[in-house]
Every structure is written in structure tokens, then in C-alpha cells.
Amino acid sequence: QYLTTEGKIMCSSHVTRDLGVYLSDDCSWTYHINLMTSDARRMASWVLGAFKDRSVTTMVTLFKSLVRCKLEYCCPLWDPSKITDVRTVENVQKQFTKKIVGMSSLDYWQRLDKLKLLSLQRRRERYSIIHVWKMLNDKAPNNIGMNFYTSARLGLRVTIPHSI
């Protein structure tokens, strides 16, 4: 139990929500990922039920605008490290792309190539790389205190405080 500044008792919780992102008491994102993918699957199911046109252009546009945004909200924060969580997120796109005309016989990577899509994991990696570049170039705040320096032998290096 904890006390608030007003002296009221605050009970501990196994999961905390802030700005729509859930973090469990063991610092795992699994709870958030399961909720988020469930919501994305529900939206994908609605799209597939509401739209009879399964053409590439229609389905990719609907996926990008209605489903993928649910899978990528705040993703640099909760980027999964557990392979089961990575697969859980990726399976939403994997199952949706299988329903597009002419894609059912292709494997997932062939479908992505044909549809000109990146895997969701690759997109999250890209977001993180872009954000670090922005911090390095003072285009985004460096709230976590990453220290960038150049090593003559190793090039650009970064240290991250232990308190993170």
C-alpha cells in the first residue's frame, strides 16, 4: 500500500495504464500486447465483414488506416522483446494479408513483398532508430539521458543510464 500526497491509501495493482498503454508489475508488456492485438483483430474482422471487395488496394488501405494504427500506438515504448509477444503482434497482419485476393497461397514474407509492406517488427525497429537519430541531432528531447560520444576506434557510441 502507498499513501497519496493527501494521505489516502492507494492499493497496489498488477497492471497500470497510462496514456492507453498498460505495464504490468513485472515490467512486462504482454498484457498490453494481448489487449491491443485483440482490439486490432476485432477491427480487422469488422473490415473483412463490412467490405466485400478484397482487392489489394482496398484491403491494404483499410489495413493501414484502421488496423495497423492500433498495433503501432506508442510502439517505441512497448516494443516487445519476448518472441511470443512479437509473434502475437505479427499474427494480426499475417492473418489479414492472407484474406487479400491472390495472397492465400503465398507465405507471409512473399505476401509482404507483393503488397509492398514491412513486417510490424521491422516498422517498430525503424521507429526506434529514427527516434534515436532525432535525439542525437537535437530534433527530439533526450528525456532518458542517453550520452552520445565518438570513439576513435569504434565510431559513434552511446551509453544509457543504469536507472532506466
Protein backbone atom coordinates (compact mmCIF):
# COMPACT_ATOMS: atom_id res chain seq x y z
CA GLN A 1 0.00 0.00 0.00
CA TYR A 2 1.04 3.54 -0.71
CA LEU A 3 -0.09 6.92 0.57
CA THR A 4 -1.04 9.75 -1.73
CA THR A 5 0.01 13.33 -1.00
CA GLU A 6 -3.44 13.79 0.59
CA GLY A 7 -2.76 10.84 2.93
CA LYS A 8 -5.21 8.45 1.26
CA ILE A 9 -4.28 4.80 0.88
CA MET A 10 -3.50 3.64 -2.64
CA CYS A 11 -3.57 -0.12 -3.21
CA SER A 12 -1.03 -1.75 -5.49
CA SER A 13 -2.13 -3.07 -8.85
CA HIS A 14 -0.79 -5.80 -11.10
CA VAL A 15 -1.29 -3.62 -14.17
CA THR A 16 -1.05 0.14 -14.60
CA ARG A 17 -2.47 2.15 -17.50
CA ASP A 18 -1.04 5.46 -18.63
CA LEU A 19 -1.97 7.19 -21.90
CA GLY A 20 -3.57 3.98 -23.17
CA VAL A 21 -0.51 1.80 -22.58
CA TYR A 22 -0.54 -0.95 -19.96
CA LEU A 23 2.51 -2.02 -17.95
CA SER A 24 2.41 -4.98 -15.58
CA ASP A 25 4.07 -5.03 -12.16
CA ASP A 26 6.81 -7.32 -13.52
CA CYS A 27 7.62 -4.71 -16.24
CA SER A 28 6.17 -6.90 -18.98
CA TRP A 29 4.21 -5.58 -21.94
CA THR A 30 2.37 -8.87 -22.56
CA TYR A 31 -0.90 -7.66 -21.01
CA HIS A 32 -0.85 -4.54 -23.20
CA ILE A 33 0.08 -6.53 -26.31
CA ASN A 34 -2.75 -9.01 -25.75
CA LEU A 35 -5.33 -6.23 -25.28
CA MET A 36 -4.02 -4.24 -28.25
CA THR A 37 -3.92 -7.22 -30.63
CA SER A 38 -7.39 -8.28 -29.53
CA ASP A 39 -8.66 -4.80 -30.43
CA ALA A 40 -6.79 -4.88 -33.76
CA ARG A 41 -8.17 -8.35 -34.59
CA ARG A 42 -11.67 -7.11 -33.80
CA MET A 43 -11.18 -4.16 -36.18
CA ALA A 44 -9.71 -6.46 -38.87
CA SER A 45 -12.73 -8.74 -38.51
CA TRP A 46 -15.07 -5.75 -38.88
CA VAL A 47 -13.20 -4.61 -42.01
CA LEU A 48 -13.38 -8.08 -43.56
CA GLY A 49 -17.09 -8.33 -42.72
CA ALA A 50 -18.07 -4.83 -43.84
CA PHE A 51 -16.15 -4.72 -47.12
CA LYS A 52 -16.72 -7.42 -49.71
CA ASP A 53 -14.02 -6.04 -52.03
CA ARG A 54 -10.82 -7.98 -51.25
CA SER A 55 -8.65 -6.20 -53.84
CA VAL A 56 -5.09 -5.32 -52.89
CA THR A 57 -5.60 -1.54 -52.97
CA THR A 58 -8.78 -1.60 -50.89
CA MET A 59 -7.57 -4.08 -48.29
CA VAL A 60 -4.09 -2.57 -47.84
CA THR A 61 -5.60 0.92 -47.49
CA LEU A 62 -8.13 -0.29 -44.91
CA PHE A 63 -5.48 -2.27 -43.01
CA LYS A 64 -3.10 0.69 -42.87
CA SER A 65 -5.76 3.17 -41.78
CA LEU A 66 -7.92 1.11 -39.40
CA VAL A 67 -5.93 -1.86 -38.11
CA ARG A 68 -2.21 -1.09 -38.20
CA CYS A 69 -2.64 2.15 -36.25
CA LYS A 70 -3.99 0.07 -33.35
CA LEU A 71 -0.90 -2.15 -33.48
CA GLU A 72 1.58 0.74 -33.55
CA TYR A 73 0.26 3.21 -30.97
CA CYS A 74 3.24 4.14 -28.74
CA CYS A 75 5.17 1.14 -30.11
CA PRO A 76 8.67 2.51 -29.39
CA LEU A 77 7.66 2.39 -25.73
CA TRP A 78 6.31 -1.16 -25.58
CA ASP A 79 8.43 -2.76 -28.34
CA PRO A 80 8.26 -6.46 -27.40
CA SER A 81 11.35 -8.45 -26.53
CA LYS A 82 9.62 -11.81 -25.96
CA ILE A 83 9.32 -13.83 -29.16
CA THR A 84 5.77 -14.86 -28.20
CA ASP A 85 4.77 -11.18 -27.97
CA VAL A 86 6.44 -10.41 -31.32
CA ARG A 87 4.51 -13.27 -32.93
CA THR A 88 1.25 -12.20 -31.31
CA VAL A 89 1.53 -8.74 -32.87
CA GLU A 90 2.78 -10.01 -36.23
CA ASN A 91 -0.02 -12.59 -36.50
CA VAL A 92 -2.64 -9.88 -36.89
CA GLN A 93 -1.03 -8.65 -40.11
CA LYS A 94 -0.20 -12.21 -41.15
CA GLN A 95 -3.84 -13.33 -40.92
CA PHE A 96 -5.24 -10.18 -42.54
CA THR A 97 -2.94 -10.29 -45.57
CA LYS A 98 -3.92 -13.92 -46.19
CA LYS A 99 -7.51 -12.77 -46.91
CA ILE A 100 -6.50 -10.44 -49.76
CA VAL A 101 -7.22 -11.62 -53.31
CA GLY A 102 -4.33 -13.68 -54.74
CA MET A 103 -2.40 -13.84 -51.45
CA SER A 104 -3.69 -17.00 -49.76
CA SER A 105 -1.22 -19.33 -51.49
CA LEU A 106 1.85 -17.19 -50.67
CA ASP A 107 3.80 -17.38 -47.43
CA TYR A 108 3.85 -14.33 -45.14
CA TRP A 109 7.13 -12.87 -46.40
CA GLN A 110 6.08 -13.26 -50.03
CA ARG A 111 2.78 -11.52 -49.25
CA LEU A 112 4.61 -8.60 -47.61
CA ASP A 113 6.89 -8.29 -50.62
CA LYS A 114 3.99 -8.40 -53.09
CA LEU A 115 1.94 -5.90 -51.05
CA LYS A 116 4.97 -3.64 -50.51
CA LEU A 117 4.56 -3.81 -46.72
CA LEU A 118 7.16 -4.17 -43.99
CA SER A 119 6.76 -6.56 -41.09
CA LEU A 120 5.42 -4.84 -37.98
CA GLN A 121 8.62 -5.73 -36.14
CA ARG A 122 10.71 -4.04 -38.83
CA ARG A 123 8.50 -0.93 -38.62
CA ARG A 124 8.99 -0.77 -34.83
CA GLU A 125 12.76 -1.08 -35.25
CA ARG A 126 12.64 1.73 -37.79
CA TYR A 127 10.65 3.98 -35.43
CA SER A 128 13.21 3.41 -32.68
CA ILE A 129 16.15 4.13 -34.99
CA ILE A 130 14.51 7.32 -36.22
CA HIS A 131 13.81 8.45 -32.66
CA VAL A 132 17.41 7.88 -31.56
CA TRP A 133 18.62 9.79 -34.64
CA LYS A 134 16.31 12.67 -33.67
CA MET A 135 17.73 12.69 -30.13
CA LEU A 136 21.28 12.61 -31.48
CA ASN A 137 20.53 15.59 -33.73
CA ASP A 138 18.55 17.57 -31.10
CA LYS A 139 15.29 17.18 -33.00
CA ALA A 140 13.61 15.34 -30.09
CA PRO A 141 14.14 15.63 -26.33
CA ASN A 142 16.61 13.23 -24.76
CA ASN A 143 14.49 12.60 -21.65
CA ILE A 144 16.31 9.41 -20.69
CA GLY A 145 19.77 10.96 -20.67
CA MET A 146 21.40 8.90 -23.43
CA ASN A 147 25.01 10.02 -23.75
CA PHE A 148 26.35 10.06 -27.33
CA TYR A 149 30.11 10.18 -27.90
CA THR A 150 32.63 9.32 -30.60
CA SER A 151 35.30 6.68 -30.17
CA ALA A 152 38.33 6.87 -32.49
CA ARG A 153 38.31 3.10 -32.90
CA LEU A 154 34.57 2.28 -32.73
CA GLY A 155 32.88 5.41 -34.11
CA LEU A 156 29.66 6.79 -32.63
CA ARG A 157 28.78 5.18 -29.28
CA VAL A 158 26.00 5.64 -26.74
CA THR A 159 25.68 5.00 -23.03
CA ILE A 160 22.35 4.69 -21.26
CA PRO A 161 21.95 5.50 -17.54
CA HIS A 162 21.51 2.47 -15.26
CA SER A 163 18.35 3.88 -13.68
CA ILE A 164 16.26 3.11 -16.77
